[in-house]
Amino acid sequence: KGLIYRGERIINWCPRCSTALSDLEVDHQEEESFLYYIKYELEDSSDYLTVATTRPETLLGDTGLAVNPEDDRYRGLIGKNVLIPIINRPIPIVGDEAVELEFGTGALKITPGHDPVDFEIGQRHGLPSVIVMDLDGTMNSKAGPYFSLDRASCRTAIVKDLEECGLLSSVEPY
């Protein structure tokens, strides 16, 4: 009757136990972290968009950058491409109402393989899902030069590389 389907979805995963967790089994807690402000250069231009993220290590799996189509700052950039920092792979800029105008910079990196909201935005815009971490929390072959690093070491290495390339605008407590 067409009621059963197969598809990719984001799940809660414990890399220590190597098991999926139900939403009911997850105890959410706030922790102190940082917002990293990263420059994504426009393809064929010296201009850039700045994106705020708490997880810079996932930028290797970005497949799009989203802006709110009502945002006057970015409306004219929808349909153009930016380059993923460090690896310089072009990804499209898409317009999506899920992007909050007031949070961060108003531009959101889309990493469908690593975030449930990004997954939904990616589905709406036909963006592929690139998974850059293995089930044990280490970076896989799609992570390029960061292959085999654990996610914390990868974050440290990417932040250092972004600083050296002049692509890290700032870091602030979050």
N, C-alpha and C. Protein backbone atom coordinates (compact mmCIF):
# COMPACT_ATOMS: atom_id res chain seq x y z
N LYS A 1 0.83 -1.21 0.00
CA LYS A 1 0.00 0.00 0.00
C LYS A 1 0.86 1.26 0.00
N GLY A 2 2.17 1.12 -0.10
CA GLY A 2 3.05 2.29 -0.13
C GLY A 2 3.27 2.92 1.23
N LEU A 3 2.98 2.19 2.30
CA LEU A 3 3.12 2.74 3.65
C LEU A 3 4.51 2.53 4.23
N ILE A 4 5.27 1.64 3.64
CA ILE A 4 6.63 1.39 4.12
C ILE A 4 7.61 2.01 3.14
N TYR A 5 8.60 2.69 3.68
CA TYR A 5 9.61 3.29 2.82
C TYR A 5 10.96 3.16 3.50
N ARG A 6 11.98 3.32 2.71
CA ARG A 6 13.34 3.28 3.22
C ARG A 6 13.96 4.64 2.95
N GLY A 7 14.66 5.18 3.93
CA GLY A 7 15.29 6.48 3.73
C GLY A 7 16.32 6.76 4.81
N GLU A 8 17.20 7.68 4.51
CA GLU A 8 18.21 8.10 5.46
C GLU A 8 17.58 9.08 6.45
N ARG A 9 17.95 8.97 7.71
CA ARG A 9 17.48 9.88 8.75
C ARG A 9 18.62 10.11 9.74
N ILE A 10 18.55 11.22 10.45
CA ILE A 10 19.49 11.52 11.51
C ILE A 10 19.00 10.82 12.78
N ILE A 11 19.91 10.14 13.48
CA ILE A 11 19.57 9.48 14.74
C ILE A 11 20.57 9.90 15.80
N ASN A 12 20.21 9.69 17.05
CA ASN A 12 21.15 9.87 18.15
C ASN A 12 22.05 8.64 18.17
N TRP A 13 23.36 8.87 18.23
CA TRP A 13 24.31 7.76 18.19
C TRP A 13 25.35 7.94 19.27
N CYS A 14 25.64 6.88 19.99
CA CYS A 14 26.69 6.90 21.00
C CYS A 14 27.94 6.24 20.42
N PRO A 15 29.00 7.02 20.16
CA PRO A 15 30.22 6.42 19.62
C PRO A 15 30.94 5.52 20.64
N ARG A 16 30.75 5.76 21.91
CA ARG A 16 31.39 4.94 22.94
C ARG A 16 30.74 3.56 23.01
N CYS A 17 29.39 3.53 22.98
CA CYS A 17 28.67 2.26 23.08
C CYS A 17 28.37 1.64 21.72
N SER A 18 28.58 2.40 20.65
CA SER A 18 28.25 1.95 19.29
C SER A 18 26.80 1.50 19.18
N THR A 19 25.91 2.40 19.58
CA THR A 19 24.49 2.07 19.52
C THR A 19 23.66 3.32 19.27
N ALA A 20 22.50 3.11 18.68
CA ALA A 20 21.54 4.19 18.49
C ALA A 20 20.80 4.43 19.80
N LEU A 21 20.38 5.67 20.00
CA LEU A 21 19.63 6.04 21.20
C LEU A 21 18.31 6.68 20.79
N SER A 22 17.26 6.30 21.48
CA SER A 22 15.97 6.94 21.28
C SER A 22 16.02 8.36 21.80
N ASP A 23 15.22 9.25 21.25
CA ASP A 23 15.13 10.62 21.79
C ASP A 23 14.78 10.58 23.27
N LEU A 24 14.01 9.57 23.70
CA LEU A 24 13.62 9.46 25.11
C LEU A 24 14.79 9.09 26.01
N GLU A 25 15.85 8.51 25.43
CA GLU A 25 17.02 8.10 26.21
C GLU A 25 18.08 9.19 26.31
N VAL A 26 17.89 10.29 25.61
CA VAL A 26 18.88 11.36 25.58
C VAL A 26 18.57 12.38 26.66
N ASP A 27 19.53 12.62 27.54
CA ASP A 27 19.41 13.68 28.54
C ASP A 27 20.12 14.91 28.00
N HIS A 28 19.36 15.90 27.60
CA HIS A 28 19.95 17.13 27.06
C HIS A 28 20.45 18.00 28.19
N GLN A 29 21.59 18.59 27.99
CA GLN A 29 22.12 19.53 28.97
C GLN A 29 22.88 20.62 28.23
N GLU A 30 22.78 21.82 28.76
CA GLU A 30 23.51 22.92 28.16
C GLU A 30 24.95 22.87 28.66
N GLU A 31 25.86 23.22 27.78
CA GLU A 31 27.25 23.29 28.17
C GLU A 31 27.87 24.50 27.51
N GLU A 32 28.92 24.99 28.13
CA GLU A 32 29.62 26.14 27.58
C GLU A 32 30.44 25.71 26.39
N SER A 33 30.36 26.50 25.34
CA SER A 33 31.08 26.20 24.11
C SER A 33 31.48 27.52 23.46
N PHE A 34 31.66 27.49 22.16
CA PHE A 34 32.04 28.68 21.42
C PHE A 34 31.27 28.76 20.12
N LEU A 35 31.05 29.97 19.66
CA LEU A 35 30.58 30.22 18.30
C LEU A 35 31.81 30.63 17.50
N TYR A 36 32.06 29.89 16.44
CA TYR A 36 33.18 30.18 15.55
C TYR A 36 32.62 30.88 14.32
N TYR A 37 33.13 32.06 14.03
CA TYR A 37 32.67 32.84 12.88
C TYR A 37 33.64 32.58 11.73
N ILE A 38 33.15 31.89 10.70
CA ILE A 38 33.99 31.41 9.61
C ILE A 38 33.59 32.08 8.30
N LYS A 39 34.60 32.50 7.54
CA LYS A 39 34.36 33.14 6.23
C LYS A 39 34.26 32.08 5.14
N TYR A 40 33.17 32.15 4.39
CA TYR A 40 32.98 31.32 3.20
C TYR A 40 33.07 32.26 2.00
N GLU A 41 34.15 32.13 1.23
CA GLU A 41 34.36 33.02 0.10
C GLU A 41 33.40 32.69 -1.03
N LEU A 42 32.89 33.75 -1.68
CA LEU A 42 32.05 33.55 -2.85
C LEU A 42 32.92 33.03 -3.99
N GLU A 43 32.38 32.10 -4.74
CA GLU A 43 33.11 31.58 -5.89
C GLU A 43 33.27 32.70 -6.92
N ASP A 44 34.43 32.84 -7.48
CA ASP A 44 34.72 33.86 -8.50
C ASP A 44 34.56 35.29 -7.97
N SER A 45 34.88 35.50 -6.69
CA SER A 45 34.77 36.84 -6.10
C SER A 45 35.67 36.90 -4.88
N SER A 46 36.02 38.10 -4.48
CA SER A 46 36.81 38.25 -3.26
C SER A 46 35.91 38.50 -2.05
N ASP A 47 34.61 38.60 -2.28
CA ASP A 47 33.66 38.78 -1.18
C ASP A 47 33.43 37.45 -0.46
N TYR A 48 32.84 37.54 0.71
CA TYR A 48 32.57 36.32 1.48
C TYR A 48 31.34 36.52 2.36
N LEU A 49 30.80 35.40 2.80
CA LEU A 49 29.74 35.37 3.81
C LEU A 49 30.35 34.79 5.07
N THR A 50 29.97 35.33 6.22
CA THR A 50 30.45 34.79 7.48
C THR A 50 29.34 33.96 8.10
N VAL A 51 29.70 32.77 8.54
CA VAL A 51 28.78 31.83 9.14
C VAL A 51 29.23 31.56 10.57
N ALA A 52 28.30 31.53 11.51
CA ALA A 52 28.60 31.18 12.90
C ALA A 52 28.22 29.72 13.13
N THR A 53 29.12 28.96 13.73
CA THR A 53 28.84 27.56 14.02
C THR A 53 29.49 27.15 15.33
N THR A 54 28.89 26.17 15.99
CA THR A 54 29.49 25.60 17.19
C THR A 54 30.31 24.36 16.84
N ARG A 55 30.20 23.88 15.59
CA ARG A 55 30.87 22.64 15.20
C ARG A 55 31.66 22.83 13.89
N PRO A 56 32.78 23.53 13.95
CA PRO A 56 33.54 23.78 12.72
C PRO A 56 34.05 22.51 12.03
N GLU A 57 34.21 21.43 12.79
CA GLU A 57 34.71 20.19 12.18
C GLU A 57 33.74 19.60 11.17
N THR A 58 32.46 19.97 11.24
CA THR A 58 31.50 19.43 10.28
C THR A 58 31.47 20.20 8.97
N LEU A 59 32.20 21.31 8.86
CA LEU A 59 32.17 22.07 7.61
C LEU A 59 32.63 21.23 6.42
N LEU A 60 33.40 20.18 6.70
CA LEU A 60 33.87 19.28 5.63
C LEU A 60 32.71 18.55 4.97
N GLY A 61 31.58 18.46 5.66
CA GLY A 61 30.38 17.81 5.11
C GLY A 61 29.32 18.78 4.64
N ASP A 62 29.65 20.06 4.58
CA ASP A 62 28.68 21.05 4.09
C ASP A 62 28.34 20.77 2.64
N THR A 63 27.05 20.91 2.32
CA THR A 63 26.62 20.77 0.92
C THR A 63 25.82 21.98 0.46
N GLY A 64 25.67 22.96 1.32
CA GLY A 64 24.98 24.19 0.96
C GLY A 64 25.16 25.22 2.05
N LEU A 65 24.77 26.44 1.72
CA LEU A 65 24.76 27.54 2.68
C LEU A 65 23.39 28.19 2.51
N ALA A 66 22.65 28.35 3.59
CA ALA A 66 21.29 28.87 3.51
C ALA A 66 21.19 30.26 4.12
N VAL A 67 20.36 31.08 3.48
CA VAL A 67 20.02 32.41 3.98
C VAL A 67 18.50 32.54 3.90
N ASN A 68 17.95 33.39 4.72
CA ASN A 68 16.51 33.63 4.66
C ASN A 68 16.22 34.49 3.44
N PRO A 69 15.28 34.07 2.58
CA PRO A 69 14.99 34.84 1.37
C PRO A 69 14.44 36.25 1.65
N GLU A 70 14.01 36.50 2.90
CA GLU A 70 13.53 37.83 3.27
C GLU A 70 14.64 38.73 3.78
N ASP A 71 15.86 38.20 3.88
CA ASP A 71 16.99 38.95 4.41
C ASP A 71 17.62 39.79 3.31
N ASP A 72 17.47 41.11 3.42
CA ASP A 72 17.98 42.03 2.40
C ASP A 72 19.49 41.93 2.22
N ARG A 73 20.21 41.51 3.26
CA ARG A 73 21.66 41.41 3.16
C ARG A 73 22.10 40.35 2.17
N TYR A 74 21.30 39.29 2.03
CA TYR A 74 21.76 38.12 1.28
C TYR A 74 20.86 37.73 0.11
N ARG A 75 19.70 38.31 0.00
CA ARG A 75 18.72 37.89 -1.02
C ARG A 75 19.34 37.77 -2.41
N GLY A 76 20.20 38.71 -2.79
CA GLY A 76 20.80 38.72 -4.11
C GLY A 76 21.86 37.64 -4.32
N LEU A 77 22.22 36.93 -3.27
CA LEU A 77 23.25 35.88 -3.39
C LEU A 77 22.67 34.49 -3.61
N ILE A 78 21.36 34.35 -3.44
CA ILE A 78 20.72 33.04 -3.63
C ILE A 78 20.96 32.58 -5.06
N GLY A 79 21.41 31.35 -5.20
CA GLY A 79 21.72 30.78 -6.51
C GLY A 79 23.20 30.84 -6.86
N LYS A 80 23.97 31.63 -6.12
CA LYS A 80 25.42 31.68 -6.33
C LYS A 80 26.08 30.59 -5.50
N ASN A 81 27.39 30.46 -5.62
CA ASN A 81 28.13 29.46 -4.87
C ASN A 81 29.14 30.11 -3.94
N VAL A 82 29.41 29.43 -2.83
CA VAL A 82 30.53 29.77 -1.96
C VAL A 82 31.47 28.57 -1.94
N LEU A 83 32.67 28.81 -1.46
CA LEU A 83 33.66 27.74 -1.35
C LEU A 83 33.79 27.30 0.11
N ILE A 84 33.74 25.99 0.34
CA ILE A 84 33.95 25.49 1.69
C ILE A 84 35.38 25.84 2.08
N PRO A 85 35.56 26.49 3.22
CA PRO A 85 36.91 26.85 3.65
C PRO A 85 37.84 25.63 3.71
N ILE A 86 39.07 25.86 3.45
CA ILE A 86 40.17 24.89 3.49
C ILE A 86 40.13 23.93 2.29
N ILE A 87 38.98 23.30 2.01
CA ILE A 87 38.95 22.33 0.91
C ILE A 87 38.48 22.95 -0.41
N ASN A 88 37.94 24.16 -0.36
CA ASN A 88 37.56 24.93 -1.56
C ASN A 88 36.60 24.21 -2.51
N ARG A 89 35.70 23.41 -1.96
CA ARG A 89 34.67 22.77 -2.79
C ARG A 89 33.48 23.73 -2.87
N PRO A 90 32.98 24.01 -4.11
CA PRO A 90 31.84 24.93 -4.23
C PRO A 90 30.54 24.28 -3.77
N ILE A 91 29.73 25.08 -3.07
CA ILE A 91 28.39 24.66 -2.64
C ILE A 91 27.43 25.81 -2.91
N PRO A 92 26.16 25.50 -3.17
CA PRO A 92 25.20 26.56 -3.52
C PRO A 92 24.68 27.33 -2.30
N ILE A 93 24.29 28.57 -2.55
CA ILE A 93 23.57 29.37 -1.56
C ILE A 93 22.09 29.20 -1.88
N VAL A 94 21.32 28.75 -0.89
CA VAL A 94 19.89 28.54 -1.07
C VAL A 94 19.11 29.46 -0.14
N GLY A 95 17.89 29.76 -0.51
CA GLY A 95 17.02 30.56 0.34
C GLY A 95 16.07 29.65 1.10
N ASP A 96 16.02 29.80 2.43
CA ASP A 96 15.14 28.96 3.24
C ASP A 96 14.65 29.76 4.44
N GLU A 97 13.35 29.69 4.68
CA GLU A 97 12.72 30.45 5.77
C GLU A 97 13.13 29.94 7.15
N ALA A 98 13.74 28.76 7.25
CA ALA A 98 14.16 28.23 8.55
C ALA A 98 15.34 28.99 9.13
N VAL A 99 16.04 29.76 8.32
CA VAL A 99 17.20 30.50 8.81
C VAL A 99 16.70 31.71 9.59
N GLU A 100 17.15 31.80 10.84
CA GLU A 100 16.75 32.92 11.70
C GLU A 100 17.54 34.16 11.32
N LEU A 101 16.84 35.26 11.14
CA LEU A 101 17.48 36.51 10.73
C LEU A 101 18.39 37.07 11.83
N GLU A 102 18.01 36.86 13.08
CA GLU A 102 18.72 37.50 14.19
C GLU A 102 19.83 36.67 14.81
N PHE A 103 19.85 35.34 14.57
CA PHE A 103 20.84 34.50 15.23
C PHE A 103 22.12 34.45 14.39
N GLY A 104 23.25 34.49 15.07
CA GLY A 104 24.53 34.39 14.38
C GLY A 104 24.68 35.51 13.36
N THR A 105 24.91 35.13 12.12
CA THR A 105 25.11 36.12 11.05
C THR A 105 23.95 36.14 10.07
N GLY A 106 22.97 35.26 10.26
CA GLY A 106 21.86 35.16 9.30
C GLY A 106 22.19 34.26 8.13
N ALA A 107 23.37 33.66 8.13
CA ALA A 107 23.77 32.69 7.11
C ALA A 107 24.09 31.39 7.83
N LEU A 108 23.59 30.28 7.30
CA LEU A 108 23.70 28.99 7.98
C LEU A 108 24.37 27.97 7.07
N LYS A 109 25.45 27.35 7.54
CA LYS A 109 26.06 26.27 6.77
C LYS A 109 25.15 25.06 6.88
N ILE A 110 24.95 24.37 5.76
CA ILE A 110 24.04 23.23 5.74
C ILE A 110 24.86 21.94 5.63
N THR A 111 24.75 21.12 6.69
CA THR A 111 25.48 19.86 6.79
C THR A 111 24.47 18.75 7.02
N PRO A 112 23.76 18.32 5.96
CA PRO A 112 22.66 17.36 6.13
C PRO A 112 23.03 16.04 6.79
N GLY A 113 24.28 15.62 6.70
CA GLY A 113 24.69 14.35 7.29
C GLY A 113 24.96 14.41 8.77
N HIS A 114 24.90 15.63 9.35
CA HIS A 114 25.31 15.76 10.76
C HIS A 114 24.39 16.62 11.61
N ASP A 115 23.25 17.04 11.09
CA ASP A 115 22.35 17.89 11.89
C ASP A 115 20.92 17.69 11.40
N PRO A 116 19.97 17.46 12.31
CA PRO A 116 18.59 17.20 11.89
C PRO A 116 17.93 18.39 11.16
N VAL A 117 18.17 19.61 11.60
CA VAL A 117 17.60 20.78 10.92
C VAL A 117 18.22 20.92 9.53
N ASP A 118 19.53 20.74 9.46
CA ASP A 118 20.22 20.81 8.16
C ASP A 118 19.73 19.70 7.24
N PHE A 119 19.44 18.54 7.79
CA PHE A 119 18.93 17.43 7.00
C PHE A 119 17.62 17.84 6.34
N GLU A 120 16.72 18.45 7.11
CA GLU A 120 15.43 18.88 6.57
C GLU A 120 15.60 19.96 5.50
N ILE A 121 16.47 20.93 5.75
CA ILE A 121 16.73 21.97 4.76
C ILE A 121 17.33 21.34 3.50
N GLY A 122 18.26 20.43 3.68
CA GLY A 122 18.87 19.74 2.55
C GLY A 122 17.84 18.99 1.72
N GLN A 123 16.89 18.34 2.39
CA GLN A 123 15.83 17.62 1.68
C GLN A 123 14.98 18.58 0.85
N ARG A 124 14.65 19.73 1.43
CA ARG A 124 13.83 20.71 0.70
C ARG A 124 14.52 21.23 -0.56
N HIS A 125 15.85 21.29 -0.52
CA HIS A 125 16.59 21.89 -1.64
C HIS A 125 17.37 20.87 -2.47
N GLY A 126 17.15 19.59 -2.21
CA GLY A 126 17.82 18.55 -2.99
C GLY A 126 19.32 18.50 -2.80
N LEU A 127 19.79 18.88 -1.61
CA LEU A 127 21.23 18.86 -1.34
C LEU A 127 21.66 17.46 -0.91
N PRO A 128 22.82 17.01 -1.37
CA PRO A 128 23.30 15.69 -0.94
C PRO A 128 23.70 15.70 0.53
N SER A 129 23.81 14.51 1.08
CA SER A 129 24.25 14.34 2.46
C SER A 129 25.64 13.73 2.44
N VAL A 130 26.60 14.43 3.01
CA VAL A 130 27.98 13.94 3.08
C VAL A 130 28.31 13.69 4.54
N ILE A 131 28.59 12.45 4.87
CA ILE A 131 28.92 12.08 6.25
C ILE A 131 30.44 12.00 6.36
N VAL A 132 31.01 12.83 7.24
CA VAL A 132 32.47 12.91 7.35
C VAL A 132 33.03 12.25 8.61
N MET A 133 32.14 11.63 9.41
CA MET A 133 32.60 10.92 10.61
C MET A 133 32.15 9.48 10.57
N ASP A 134 33.02 8.61 11.05
CA ASP A 134 32.66 7.21 11.21
C ASP A 134 31.87 7.04 12.50
N LEU A 135 31.30 5.87 12.69
CA LEU A 135 30.46 5.61 13.86
C LEU A 135 31.22 5.69 15.18
N ASP A 136 32.55 5.63 15.13
CA ASP A 136 33.34 5.74 16.36
C ASP A 136 33.74 7.18 16.67
N GLY A 137 33.26 8.14 15.88
CA GLY A 137 33.54 9.55 16.13
C GLY A 137 34.83 10.04 15.51
N THR A 138 35.48 9.22 14.69
CA THR A 138 36.68 9.67 13.99
C THR A 138 36.31 10.14 12.59
N MET A 139 37.13 11.00 12.05
CA MET A 139 36.89 11.54 10.72
C MET A 139 37.21 10.48 9.67
N ASN A 140 36.33 10.35 8.67
CA ASN A 140 36.53 9.32 7.66
C ASN A 140 37.25 9.89 6.43
N SER A 141 37.34 9.12 5.38
CA SER A 141 38.10 9.53 4.19
C SER A 141 37.51 10.77 3.51
N LYS A 142 36.22 11.05 3.73
CA LYS A 142 35.61 12.25 3.14
C LYS A 142 36.05 13.53 3.85
N ALA A 143 36.77 13.38 4.95
CA ALA A 143 37.27 14.53 5.71
C ALA A 143 38.62 15.01 5.19
N GLY A 144 39.07 14.44 4.09
CA GLY A 144 40.30 14.90 3.45
C GLY A 144 41.50 14.85 4.37
N PRO A 145 42.17 16.00 4.56
CA PRO A 145 43.41 16.00 5.33
C PRO A 145 43.21 15.70 6.82
N TYR A 146 41.98 15.62 7.27
CA TYR A 146 41.70 15.36 8.68
C TYR A 146 41.30 13.91 8.93
N PHE A 147 41.46 13.06 7.91
CA PHE A 147 41.14 11.65 8.00
C PHE A 147 41.80 11.03 9.23
N SER A 148 41.03 10.27 9.96
CA SER A 148 41.42 9.46 11.13
C SER A 148 41.52 10.24 12.43
N LEU A 149 41.40 11.57 12.41
CA LEU A 149 41.40 12.32 13.66
C LEU A 149 40.09 12.11 14.39
N ASP A 150 40.12 12.09 15.73
CA ASP A 150 38.85 12.08 16.45
C ASP A 150 38.23 13.47 16.32
N ARG A 151 36.94 13.57 16.56
CA ARG A 151 36.23 14.82 16.26
C ARG A 151 36.77 16.02 17.05
N ALA A 152 37.21 15.83 18.28
CA ALA A 152 37.75 16.94 19.07
C ALA A 152 39.09 17.41 18.50
N SER A 153 39.95 16.47 18.14
CA SER A 153 41.23 16.84 17.54
C SER A 153 41.02 17.50 16.19
N CYS A 154 40.03 17.04 15.46
CA CYS A 154 39.72 17.63 14.16
C CYS A 154 39.27 19.07 14.34
N ARG A 155 38.43 19.33 15.34
CA ARG A 155 37.97 20.69 15.59
C ARG A 155 39.17 21.60 15.84
N THR A 156 40.07 21.16 16.71
CA THR A 156 41.27 21.95 17.03
C THR A 156 42.09 22.22 15.78
N ALA A 157 42.30 21.19 14.96
CA ALA A 157 43.11 21.33 13.75
C ALA A 157 42.44 22.26 12.73
N ILE A 158 41.13 22.13 12.55
CA ILE A 158 40.42 23.00 11.58
C ILE A 158 40.45 24.44 12.04
N VAL A 159 40.22 24.69 13.32
CA VAL A 159 40.26 26.07 13.83
C VAL A 159 41.65 26.67 13.61
N LYS A 160 42.69 25.91 13.87
CA LYS A 160 44.05 26.37 13.64
C LYS A 160 44.26 26.69 12.16
N ASP A 161 43.83 25.80 11.27
CA ASP A 161 43.99 26.01 9.83
C ASP A 161 43.18 27.20 9.34
N LEU A 162 41.97 27.38 9.87
CA LEU A 162 41.15 28.54 9.50
C LEU A 162 41.84 29.84 9.91
N GLU A 163 42.42 29.85 11.11
CA GLU A 163 43.16 31.03 11.58
C GLU A 163 44.32 31.34 10.65
N GLU A 164 45.10 30.30 10.31
CA GLU A 164 46.26 30.50 9.45
C GLU A 164 45.89 31.00 8.07
N CYS A 165 44.72 30.60 7.57
CA CYS A 165 44.26 31.02 6.24
C CYS A 165 43.52 32.37 6.27
N GLY A 166 43.33 32.93 7.46
CA GLY A 166 42.59 34.18 7.57
C GLY A 166 41.10 34.03 7.36
N LEU A 167 40.57 32.81 7.58
CA LEU A 167 39.15 32.53 7.36
C LEU A 167 38.34 32.44 8.66
N LEU A 168 38.99 32.64 9.79
CA LEU A 168 38.28 32.65 11.07
C LEU A 168 38.16 34.09 11.52
N SER A 169 36.94 34.64 11.46
CA SER A 169 36.73 36.04 11.82
C SER A 169 36.88 36.27 13.31
N SER A 170 36.20 35.40 14.09
CA SER A 170 36.27 35.56 15.55
C SER A 170 35.72 34.30 16.20
N VAL A 171 35.91 34.23 17.51
CA VAL A 171 35.39 33.14 18.34
C VAL A 171 34.83 33.81 19.57
N GLU A 172 33.60 33.42 19.95
CA GLU A 172 33.02 34.00 21.16
C GLU A 172 32.36 32.92 21.99
N PRO A 173 32.33 33.10 23.29
CA PRO A 173 31.67 32.12 24.17
C PRO A 173 30.19 31.98 23.81
N TYR A 174 29.70 30.76 23.94
CA TYR A 174 28.29 30.49 23.65
C TYR A 174 27.77 29.47 24.65
